[in-house]
């Protein structure tokens, strides 16, 4: 059974840091991605990593503050979030593509999703 399980969310003050992790099981994946969804808004692209983790892509709103990484030996991806802002508050989701190598920013391009983890940044 294929599963993606996020962890590491929580409550942090403005300017603080959090590190999210996503443990994948059941198979390996080509592209891995992070998305987020704030209340009343659509699911938004945050970051994507290539199969080997060498190539990354970030949304403009998080570039320079967030760093995505991938440990293929452990089938795990991480999202280090620094200098957090209240507008980063959202449920964060890990996502995976089964075949394509395209680091898409579209949620519909991803085949598997985790259950999400809440990140709340207080002002």
C-alpha atoms as a PDB file:
ATOM      1  CA  UNK A   1       0.000   0.000   0.000  1.00  0.00           C
ATOM      2  CA  UNK A   2       1.355   3.388  -0.982  1.00  0.00           C
ATOM      3  CA  UNK A   3       1.458   5.940   1.816  1.00  0.00           C
ATOM      4  CA  UNK A   4       2.836   9.409   2.369  1.00  0.00           C
ATOM      5  CA  UNK A   5       2.913  10.555   5.972  1.00  0.00           C
ATOM      6  CA  UNK A   6       3.815  14.100   6.970  1.00  0.00           C
ATOM      7  CA  UNK A   7       5.079  15.169  10.372  1.00  0.00           C
ATOM      8  CA  UNK A   8       6.652  18.192  12.010  1.00  0.00           C
ATOM      9  CA  UNK A   9       3.882  20.753  11.860  1.00  0.00           C
ATOM     10  CA  UNK A  10       2.965  22.942  14.799  1.00  0.00           C
ATOM     11  CA  UNK A  11       2.619  26.437  16.187  1.00  0.00           C
ATOM     12  CA  UNK A  12       5.496  28.879  15.852  1.00  0.00           C
ATOM     13  CA  UNK A  13       5.964  32.625  16.220  1.00  0.00           C
ATOM     14  CA  UNK A  14       6.732  34.951  13.343  1.00  0.00           C
ATOM     15  CA  UNK A  15      10.365  34.593  12.367  1.00  0.00           C
ATOM     16  CA  UNK A  16      10.610  31.068  13.724  1.00  0.00           C
ATOM     17  CA  UNK A  17      11.442  27.805  11.994  1.00  0.00           C
ATOM     18  CA  UNK A  18       9.890  24.407  11.476  1.00  0.00           C
ATOM     19  CA  UNK A  19      11.035  21.293   9.655  1.00  0.00           C
ATOM     20  CA  UNK A  20       8.452  19.124   7.969  1.00  0.00           C
ATOM     21  CA  UNK A  21       9.124  15.543   7.000  1.00  0.00           C
ATOM     22  CA  UNK A  22       7.302  13.184   4.670  1.00  0.00           C
ATOM     23  CA  UNK A  23       7.913   9.459   4.905  1.00  0.00           C
ATOM     24  CA  UNK A  24       6.916   7.503   1.808  1.00  0.00           C
ATOM     25  CA  UNK A  25       6.234   3.797   1.743  1.00  0.00           C
ATOM     26  CA  UNK A  26       5.010   1.212  -0.732  1.00  0.00           C
ATOM     27  CA  UNK A  27       7.060   2.351  -3.714  1.00  0.00           C
ATOM     28  CA  UNK A  28       9.549   4.941  -4.886  1.00  0.00           C
ATOM     29  CA  UNK A  29       8.592   8.092  -6.720  1.00  0.00           C
ATOM     30  CA  UNK A  30       9.938  10.324  -9.445  1.00  0.00           C
ATOM     31  CA  UNK A  31       9.098  13.908  -8.433  1.00  0.00           C
ATOM     32  CA  UNK A  32       8.158  14.815  -4.863  1.00  0.00           C
ATOM     33  CA  UNK A  33       6.366  18.030  -3.999  1.00  0.00           C
ATOM     34  CA  UNK A  34       5.113  20.157  -1.144  1.00  0.00           C
ATOM     35  CA  UNK A  35       1.848  22.064  -1.336  1.00  0.00           C
ATOM     36  CA  UNK A  36      -0.158  24.051   1.191  1.00  0.00           C
ATOM     37  CA  UNK A  37      -3.752  25.078   1.647  1.00  0.00           C
ATOM     38  CA  UNK A  38      -4.915  27.961   3.803  1.00  0.00           C
ATOM     39  CA  UNK A  39      -8.536  28.229   4.993  1.00  0.00           C
ATOM     40  CA  UNK A  40     -10.813  29.308   2.159  1.00  0.00           C
ATOM     41  CA  UNK A  41      -8.071  29.056  -0.462  1.00  0.00           C
ATOM     42  CA  UNK A  42      -7.006  26.559  -3.072  1.00  0.00           C
ATOM     43  CA  UNK A  43      -4.065  24.209  -2.806  1.00  0.00           C
ATOM     44  CA  UNK A  44      -0.862  26.131  -3.535  1.00  0.00           C
ATOM     45  CA  UNK A  45       2.500  24.904  -4.813  1.00  0.00           C
ATOM     46  CA  UNK A  46       5.386  25.334  -2.384  1.00  0.00           C
ATOM     47  CA  UNK A  47       8.322  23.258  -3.641  1.00  0.00           C
ATOM     48  CA  UNK A  48       9.251  20.291  -5.804  1.00  0.00           C
ATOM     49  CA  UNK A  49      12.276  18.005  -5.995  1.00  0.00           C
ATOM     50  CA  UNK A  50      13.572  15.907  -8.841  1.00  0.00           C
ATOM     51  CA  UNK A  51      14.092  12.158  -8.503  1.00  0.00           C
ATOM     52  CA  UNK A  52      17.652  12.516  -7.279  1.00  0.00           C
ATOM     53  CA  UNK A  53      16.886  15.602  -5.218  1.00  0.00           C
ATOM     54  CA  UNK A  54      19.470  17.675  -7.094  1.00  0.00           C
ATOM     55  CA  UNK A  55      16.982  19.905  -8.870  1.00  0.00           C
ATOM     56  CA  UNK A  56      14.471  21.911  -6.880  1.00  0.00           C
ATOM     57  CA  UNK A  57      11.765  24.444  -7.621  1.00  0.00           C
ATOM     58  CA  UNK A  58      10.134  26.890  -5.236  1.00  0.00           C
ATOM     59  CA  UNK A  59       7.187  29.219  -5.200  1.00  0.00           C
ATOM     60  CA  UNK A  60       8.261  32.838  -5.241  1.00  0.00           C
ATOM     61  CA  UNK A  61       6.619  33.443  -1.874  1.00  0.00           C
ATOM     62  CA  UNK A  62       8.914  30.956  -0.103  1.00  0.00           C
ATOM     63  CA  UNK A  63      12.117  31.180  -2.140  1.00  0.00           C
ATOM     64  CA  UNK A  64      15.069  32.010   0.072  1.00  0.00           C
ATOM     65  CA  UNK A  65      13.203  30.998   3.227  1.00  0.00           C
ATOM     66  CA  UNK A  66      12.256  27.357   2.589  1.00  0.00           C
ATOM     67  CA  UNK A  67      14.578  24.530   1.602  1.00  0.00           C
ATOM     68  CA  UNK A  68      13.383  21.173   0.321  1.00  0.00           C
ATOM     69  CA  UNK A  69      15.571  18.100   0.491  1.00  0.00           C
ATOM     70  CA  UNK A  70      15.252  14.426  -0.305  1.00  0.00           C
ATOM     71  CA  UNK A  71      16.779  11.272   1.176  1.00  0.00           C
ATOM     72  CA  UNK A  72      16.116   8.499  -1.325  1.00  0.00           C
ATOM     73  CA  UNK A  73      17.787   5.886   0.874  1.00  0.00           C
ATOM     74  CA  UNK A  74      15.068   6.515   3.452  1.00  0.00           C
ATOM     75  CA  UNK A  75      12.350   7.406   0.912  1.00  0.00           C
ATOM     76  CA  UNK A  76      11.839  10.659   2.804  1.00  0.00           C
ATOM     77  CA  UNK A  77      11.583  14.320   1.903  1.00  0.00           C
ATOM     78  CA  UNK A  78      11.921  17.328   4.166  1.00  0.00           C
ATOM     79  CA  UNK A  79      10.910  20.958   4.063  1.00  0.00           C
ATOM     80  CA  UNK A  80      12.982  23.294   6.223  1.00  0.00           C
ATOM     81  CA  UNK A  81      10.988  26.472   6.784  1.00  0.00           C
ATOM     82  CA  UNK A  82      12.785  29.528   8.157  1.00  0.00           C
ATOM     83  CA  UNK A  83      11.712  33.135   8.748  1.00  0.00           C
ATOM     84  CA  UNK A  84       8.116  32.035   8.938  1.00  0.00           C
ATOM     85  CA  UNK A  85       5.354  34.588   8.432  1.00  0.00           C
ATOM     86  CA  UNK A  86       1.662  34.543   9.424  1.00  0.00           C
ATOM     87  CA  UNK A  87       0.773  34.138   5.740  1.00  0.00           C
ATOM     88  CA  UNK A  88       2.587  30.788   5.761  1.00  0.00           C
ATOM     89  CA  UNK A  89      -0.176  29.428   7.994  1.00  0.00           C
ATOM     90  CA  UNK A  90      -1.785  26.482   6.204  1.00  0.00           C
ATOM     91  CA  UNK A  91      -2.101  22.734   6.065  1.00  0.00           C
ATOM     92  CA  UNK A  92       1.025  21.452   4.334  1.00  0.00           C
ATOM     93  CA  UNK A  93       0.808  18.395   2.092  1.00  0.00           C
ATOM     94  CA  UNK A  94       3.431  16.081   0.689  1.00  0.00           C
ATOM     95  CA  UNK A  95       2.744  14.844  -2.843  1.00  0.00           C
ATOM     96  CA  UNK A  96       4.396  12.452  -5.264  1.00  0.00           C
ATOM     97  CA  UNK A  97       4.437  11.651  -8.950  1.00  0.00           C
ATOM     98  CA  UNK A  98       4.764   8.011  -9.933  1.00  0.00           C
ATOM     99  CA  UNK A  99       6.378   8.308 -13.396  1.00  0.00           C
ATOM    100  CA  UNK A 100       6.796  11.805 -14.805  1.00  0.00           C
ATOM    101  CA  UNK A 101      10.029  13.729 -14.230  1.00  0.00           C
ATOM    102  CA  UNK A 102       8.308  17.078 -14.675  1.00  0.00           C
ATOM    103  CA  UNK A 103       8.435  19.163 -11.481  1.00  0.00           C
ATOM    104  CA  UNK A 104       4.941  20.460 -11.985  1.00  0.00           C
ATOM    105  CA  UNK A 105       3.418  23.202  -9.851  1.00  0.00           C
ATOM    106  CA  UNK A 106      -0.082  21.850 -10.517  1.00  0.00           C
ATOM    107  CA  UNK A 107      -1.695  19.746  -7.772  1.00  0.00           C
ATOM    108  CA  UNK A 108      -3.526  17.716 -10.416  1.00  0.00           C
ATOM    109  CA  UNK A 109      -0.192  16.450 -11.761  1.00  0.00           C
ATOM    110  CA  UNK A 110       0.560  14.527  -8.567  1.00  0.00           C
ATOM    111  CA  UNK A 111      -0.622  10.958  -8.067  1.00  0.00           C
ATOM    112  CA  UNK A 112      -0.264  10.470  -4.316  1.00  0.00           C
ATOM    113  CA  UNK A 113      -0.906  12.723  -1.333  1.00  0.00           C
ATOM    114  CA  UNK A 114      -0.315  12.685   2.379  1.00  0.00           C
ATOM    115  CA  UNK A 115      -2.965  13.590   4.927  1.00  0.00           C
ATOM    116  CA  UNK A 116      -1.424  16.988   5.661  1.00  0.00           C
ATOM    117  CA  UNK A 117       0.113  18.638   8.705  1.00  0.00           C
ATOM    118  CA  UNK A 118      -0.971  21.969  10.186  1.00  0.00           C
ATOM    119  CA  UNK A 119       1.487  24.853  10.367  1.00  0.00           C
ATOM    120  CA  UNK A 120       0.361  27.913  12.296  1.00  0.00           C
ATOM    121  CA  UNK A 121       2.483  31.054  12.502  1.00  0.00           C
ATOM    122  CA  UNK A 122       1.399  33.544  15.130  1.00  0.00           C
ATOM    123  CA  UNK A 123       2.023  37.269  14.761  1.00  0.00           C
END
